[in-house]
Amino acid sequence: MAAKKAKAKKSSGAGAKGGGFGTATAPKTVAEVCKTFKHRLPKDFTELCICRDKSEAGNAGTSYADCCRQMHLGEKNAETPEECLRARFAAYAYRQPEFIIRSTDKTSSEFKKDKLKWARSLDSRGMFDTYDFVKLEVGEAEVGKPEGDSPVYFLSPNVFTLQPKGQLSKPPVATAERSKFIKRKAGWLFVEGSEPTAKEAPAAADLLLTDEEATAVREMWRAEREKKSALYTPFDVVTGKAIHPQEAARFRHFEAYDGGAAR
């Protein structure tokens, strides 16, 4: 009995695990916080990764499981600037904010010291929830000036095509970006995105999908939603809702074309 009483007293003392005064709550990690967020991961990881062109379907290394999944899980570092670009595009499409944080270099203007706050900010208004991701076109590689012992590369122009959710009557939106990457111990990391140079920038006509392509994109999303088997788990369709300023800022280089005329 004495032993039992002593044990009971120990378990009910202040600061004991599970309760009592002075109990410390360990701060959550970025990974733990991100696990509480909704995601848009594909139902089948053997499907073609969103960062790949449909013409690559069936090719080795192009499924989500073999392309970007390992980087999203932190099991593999980006071995090239292109891998980093593709993985970040897929991370936005599949709603994987932890990878966005992990793949951003400390010298980037987008980097934030408070990563928990950064993660929550991405979740609330930085994951392009009002868009469906359609296509990524990777630009040409260019060697940049090394920063110390770290190699620097640019990819430009990279073209990102997205479709406004719930607005399939509108044409997809495309943007061209010059992306800077730097190599660290953790692999290639994103530094910044800027407008392509005048020489690199694709003409408006190159960003504009043909009527047939735009129609095909709309029909694809209609069919997927009707079957309730979208390329990734769908979220609430947002119609007529203003884009948050922070999200809109990320589209500062976007040009939308309607019927061949810039809006």
Protein backbone atom coordinates (compact mmCIF):
# COMPACT_ATOMS: atom_id res chain seq x y z
CA MET A 1 0.00 0.00 0.00
CA ALA A 2 2.78 2.38 0.90
CA ALA A 3 4.40 1.84 -2.46
CA LYS A 4 1.13 2.52 -4.24
CA LYS A 5 0.59 5.75 -2.29
CA ALA A 6 4.08 6.95 -3.13
CA LYS A 7 3.53 6.20 -6.78
CA ALA A 8 0.21 8.01 -6.76
CA LYS A 9 1.78 11.04 -5.11
CA LYS A 10 4.53 11.16 -7.70
CA SER A 11 2.11 11.01 -10.62
CA SER A 12 -0.04 13.84 -9.22
CA GLY A 13 2.77 16.24 -8.50
CA ALA A 14 3.14 19.67 -10.08
CA GLY A 15 4.71 19.57 -13.47
CA ALA A 16 3.91 15.89 -13.98
CA LYS A 17 3.45 14.70 -17.51
CA GLY A 18 -0.10 15.19 -18.70
CA GLY A 19 -1.13 17.93 -16.25
CA GLY A 20 -0.33 20.04 -13.21
CA PHE A 21 1.08 23.52 -12.72
CA GLY A 22 4.11 24.41 -14.77
CA THR A 23 3.43 21.77 -17.44
CA ALA A 24 5.34 22.81 -20.55
CA THR A 25 3.79 22.42 -23.96
CA ALA A 26 6.44 21.63 -26.53
CA PRO A 27 6.25 23.96 -29.55
CA LYS A 28 5.04 22.28 -32.70
CA THR A 29 7.44 21.76 -35.56
CA VAL A 30 6.71 23.02 -39.06
CA ALA A 31 6.10 19.43 -40.15
CA GLU A 32 3.58 18.89 -37.33
CA VAL A 33 1.75 22.11 -38.13
CA CYS A 34 1.61 21.37 -41.86
CA LYS A 35 0.11 17.94 -41.19
CA THR A 36 -2.96 19.72 -39.81
CA PHE A 37 -3.52 21.59 -43.09
CA LYS A 38 -5.69 20.33 -45.92
CA HIS A 39 -3.90 19.02 -48.99
CA ARG A 40 -4.53 18.26 -52.65
CA LEU A 41 -2.40 15.15 -53.03
CA PRO A 42 -3.36 12.84 -55.90
CA LYS A 43 -5.39 9.80 -54.94
CA ASP A 44 -2.97 7.60 -56.83
CA PHE A 45 0.74 8.46 -56.50
CA THR A 46 1.47 6.44 -59.66
CA GLU A 47 -0.35 9.09 -61.69
CA LEU A 48 1.67 11.47 -63.85
CA CYS A 49 3.13 14.21 -61.66
CA ILE A 50 1.48 17.61 -62.17
CA CYS A 51 4.88 19.10 -63.08
CA ARG A 52 5.14 16.81 -66.13
CA ASP A 53 3.71 17.18 -69.62
CA LYS A 54 1.04 14.70 -70.65
CA SER A 55 3.32 13.53 -73.45
CA GLU A 56 5.61 12.07 -70.76
CA ALA A 57 2.91 9.76 -69.36
CA GLY A 58 4.28 6.26 -68.90
CA ASN A 59 7.92 7.34 -69.02
CA ALA A 60 10.19 6.27 -66.17
CA GLY A 61 10.44 8.74 -63.29
CA THR A 62 7.41 10.83 -64.25
CA SER A 63 4.83 9.60 -61.72
CA TYR A 64 4.35 11.68 -58.59
CA ALA A 65 5.83 8.84 -56.50
CA ASP A 66 9.00 8.79 -58.60
CA CYS A 67 9.22 12.49 -59.49
CA CYS A 68 8.52 14.90 -56.62
CA ARG A 69 7.12 12.86 -53.74
CA GLN A 70 10.50 12.01 -52.17
CA MET A 71 11.53 15.67 -52.18
CA HIS A 72 8.22 16.68 -50.62
CA LEU A 73 8.80 14.14 -47.84
CA GLY A 74 12.35 15.37 -47.27
CA GLU A 75 13.82 12.01 -48.26
CA LYS A 76 15.72 13.50 -51.19
CA ASN A 77 17.27 16.88 -52.03
CA ALA A 78 16.82 18.60 -55.36
CA GLU A 79 19.87 17.57 -57.38
CA THR A 80 19.34 20.17 -60.12
CA PRO A 81 17.64 23.58 -60.39
CA GLU A 82 15.00 21.96 -62.62
CA GLU A 83 14.19 19.37 -59.95
CA CYS A 84 13.71 22.18 -57.43
CA LEU A 85 11.48 24.12 -59.82
CA ARG A 86 9.34 21.08 -60.63
CA ALA A 87 9.04 20.07 -56.97
CA ARG A 88 7.97 23.60 -55.95
CA PHE A 89 5.36 23.77 -58.73
CA ALA A 90 4.02 20.37 -57.61
CA ALA A 91 4.13 21.49 -53.95
CA TYR A 92 1.87 24.44 -54.71
CA ALA A 93 -0.41 22.24 -56.82
CA TYR A 94 -0.64 19.48 -54.20
CA ARG A 95 -0.65 21.92 -51.27
CA GLN A 96 2.62 20.94 -49.59
CA PRO A 97 3.69 24.19 -47.83
CA GLU A 98 6.40 22.50 -45.77
CA PHE A 99 8.42 21.87 -48.93
CA ILE A 100 7.96 25.47 -50.08
CA ILE A 101 9.55 26.58 -46.81
CA ARG A 102 12.29 23.96 -46.90
CA SER A 103 13.22 24.70 -50.53
CA THR A 104 13.50 28.49 -50.08
CA ASP A 105 17.02 29.83 -49.51
CA LYS A 106 17.70 32.12 -46.54
CA THR A 107 18.80 34.89 -48.93
CA SER A 108 15.36 34.94 -50.56
CA SER A 109 13.06 37.89 -49.92
CA GLU A 110 10.34 35.28 -49.31
CA PHE A 111 12.27 33.63 -46.46
CA LYS A 112 10.87 34.18 -42.95
CA LYS A 113 12.63 33.36 -39.69
CA ASP A 114 9.38 32.44 -37.97
CA LYS A 115 8.66 29.30 -39.95
CA LEU A 116 5.53 28.38 -38.00
CA LYS A 117 4.00 31.76 -38.82
CA TRP A 118 5.23 31.38 -42.41
CA ALA A 119 3.57 27.96 -42.70
CA ARG A 120 0.26 29.29 -41.37
CA SER A 121 0.46 32.26 -43.74
CA LEU A 122 0.98 29.96 -46.71
CA ASP A 123 -1.91 27.79 -45.59
CA SER A 124 -4.31 30.70 -45.21
CA ARG A 125 -3.55 32.63 -48.37
CA GLY A 126 -0.45 31.48 -50.22
CA MET A 127 -1.30 28.14 -51.84
CA PHE A 128 -3.33 29.39 -54.81
CA ASP A 129 -6.56 27.82 -53.56
CA THR A 130 -8.60 29.70 -56.17
CA TYR A 131 -6.77 28.00 -59.05
CA ASP A 132 -6.32 24.57 -60.61
CA PHE A 133 -2.80 23.85 -61.81
CA VAL A 134 -2.63 22.97 -65.49
CA LYS A 135 0.90 22.98 -66.86
CA LEU A 136 4.57 23.81 -66.21
CA GLU A 137 7.00 24.65 -69.00
CA VAL A 138 10.65 24.74 -67.88
CA GLY A 139 12.92 27.39 -69.37
CA GLU A 140 16.54 27.26 -70.46
CA ALA A 141 19.36 26.93 -67.93
CA GLU A 142 21.87 29.75 -67.49
CA VAL A 143 24.94 29.75 -65.24
CA GLY A 144 24.97 32.66 -62.82
CA LYS A 145 27.74 34.29 -60.80
CA PRO A 146 28.63 32.10 -57.80
CA GLU A 147 27.85 33.50 -54.37
CA GLY A 148 30.87 32.52 -52.32
CA ASP A 149 31.32 28.80 -52.81
CA SER A 150 27.71 28.30 -53.87
CA PRO A 151 26.91 27.81 -57.57
CA VAL A 152 24.03 29.87 -58.96
CA TYR A 153 21.78 28.96 -61.87
CA PHE A 154 18.82 30.60 -63.58
CA LEU A 155 15.97 28.94 -65.45
CA SER A 156 14.08 31.22 -67.84
CA PRO A 157 11.48 31.68 -69.07
CA ASN A 158 9.46 29.24 -66.98
CA VAL A 159 5.78 29.35 -67.90
CA PHE A 160 3.13 28.42 -65.33
CA THR A 161 -0.45 27.85 -66.53
CA LEU A 162 -3.37 27.81 -64.07
CA GLN A 163 -7.15 27.70 -64.43
CA PRO A 164 -9.36 29.84 -62.15
CA LYS A 165 -11.54 27.49 -60.08
CA GLY A 166 -15.23 27.55 -60.87
CA GLN A 167 -14.64 29.81 -63.85
CA LEU A 168 -14.19 27.33 -66.68
CA SER A 169 -15.72 29.77 -69.14
CA LYS A 170 -12.63 31.92 -68.69
CA PRO A 171 -9.31 31.10 -70.39
CA PRO A 172 -6.43 29.68 -68.33
CA VAL A 173 -3.97 32.18 -66.88
CA ALA A 174 -0.27 31.99 -67.77
CA THR A 175 2.82 33.72 -66.39
CA ALA A 176 6.47 33.70 -67.38
CA GLU A 177 9.18 33.91 -64.74
CA ARG A 178 12.97 34.01 -64.53
CA SER A 179 13.83 31.82 -61.53
CA LYS A 180 17.08 31.97 -59.56
CA PHE A 181 18.47 28.95 -57.69
CA ILE A 182 21.50 28.39 -55.48
CA LYS A 183 23.18 25.17 -54.42
CA ARG A 184 23.59 24.53 -50.70
CA LYS A 185 24.30 21.46 -48.58
CA ALA A 186 20.56 20.78 -48.70
CA GLY A 187 20.63 20.67 -52.50
CA TRP A 188 19.35 23.30 -54.92
CA LEU A 189 17.15 25.97 -53.33
CA PHE A 190 14.92 28.70 -54.73
CA VAL A 191 16.11 32.30 -54.30
CA GLU A 192 13.78 34.53 -56.27
CA GLY A 193 11.51 34.88 -59.24
CA SER A 194 11.54 37.90 -61.52
CA GLU A 195 10.37 38.98 -64.93
CA PRO A 196 12.27 37.38 -67.81
CA THR A 197 14.56 39.70 -69.75
CA ALA A 198 13.16 41.24 -72.91
CA LYS A 199 15.13 38.69 -74.91
CA GLU A 200 13.84 35.74 -72.86
CA ALA A 201 10.22 36.78 -72.40
CA PRO A 202 7.82 34.82 -74.59
CA ALA A 203 5.52 36.86 -76.78
CA ALA A 204 1.92 37.27 -75.69
CA ALA A 205 0.92 34.95 -78.50
CA ASP A 206 3.17 32.25 -77.04
CA LEU A 207 1.43 32.49 -73.65
CA LEU A 208 -2.04 32.44 -75.17
CA LEU A 209 -3.55 29.00 -75.53
CA THR A 210 -5.35 28.29 -78.76
CA ASP A 211 -9.13 28.03 -78.65
CA GLU A 212 -8.78 24.26 -78.95
CA GLU A 213 -6.29 24.07 -76.05
CA ALA A 214 -8.38 26.32 -73.81
CA THR A 215 -11.49 24.27 -74.56
CA ALA A 216 -9.62 21.04 -73.85
CA VAL A 217 -8.48 22.35 -70.46
CA ARG A 218 -12.01 23.37 -69.49
CA GLU A 219 -13.48 20.05 -70.61
CA MET A 220 -10.82 18.13 -68.71
CA TRP A 221 -11.70 19.81 -65.41
CA ARG A 222 -15.44 19.47 -66.03
CA ALA A 223 -15.08 15.76 -66.72
CA GLU A 224 -12.84 15.19 -63.70
CA ARG A 225 -15.24 16.99 -61.37
CA GLU A 226 -18.24 15.13 -62.74
CA LYS A 227 -16.46 11.84 -62.10
CA LYS A 228 -15.37 13.12 -58.68
CA SER A 229 -11.90 11.83 -59.44
CA ALA A 230 -9.88 14.98 -60.08
CA LEU A 231 -6.15 14.81 -60.64
CA TYR A 232 -5.84 15.84 -57.00
CA THR A 233 -8.36 16.01 -54.18
CA PRO A 234 -10.57 19.05 -54.99
CA PHE A 235 -11.39 21.76 -52.51
CA ASP A 236 -14.24 24.26 -52.31
CA VAL A 237 -14.80 25.92 -55.63
CA VAL A 238 -14.44 29.68 -55.16
CA THR A 239 -16.51 31.87 -57.43
CA GLY A 240 -16.56 35.63 -57.49
CA LYS A 241 -14.23 35.90 -54.51
CA ALA A 242 -11.49 38.52 -54.53
CA ILE A 243 -7.95 37.19 -54.38
CA HIS A 244 -6.14 38.09 -51.15
CA PRO A 245 -3.54 40.84 -51.78
CA GLN A 246 -0.66 38.55 -50.78
CA GLU A 247 -1.80 35.86 -53.21
CA ALA A 248 -2.41 38.46 -55.91
CA ALA A 249 1.13 39.76 -55.41
CA ARG A 250 2.48 36.35 -56.35
CA PHE A 251 0.70 36.79 -59.68
CA ARG A 252 2.32 40.14 -60.38
CA HIS A 253 3.73 38.84 -63.65
CA PHE A 254 0.55 37.08 -64.77
CA GLU A 255 -1.09 38.18 -67.98
CA ALA A 256 -4.59 36.91 -68.68
CA TYR A 257 -5.84 36.87 -72.24
CA ASP A 258 -9.49 36.74 -73.20
CA GLY A 259 -10.33 36.22 -76.83
CA GLY A 260 -6.82 37.23 -77.86
CA ALA A 261 -6.86 40.61 -76.13
CA ALA A 262 -4.98 41.33 -72.91
CA ARG A 263 -7.25 42.26 -70.03
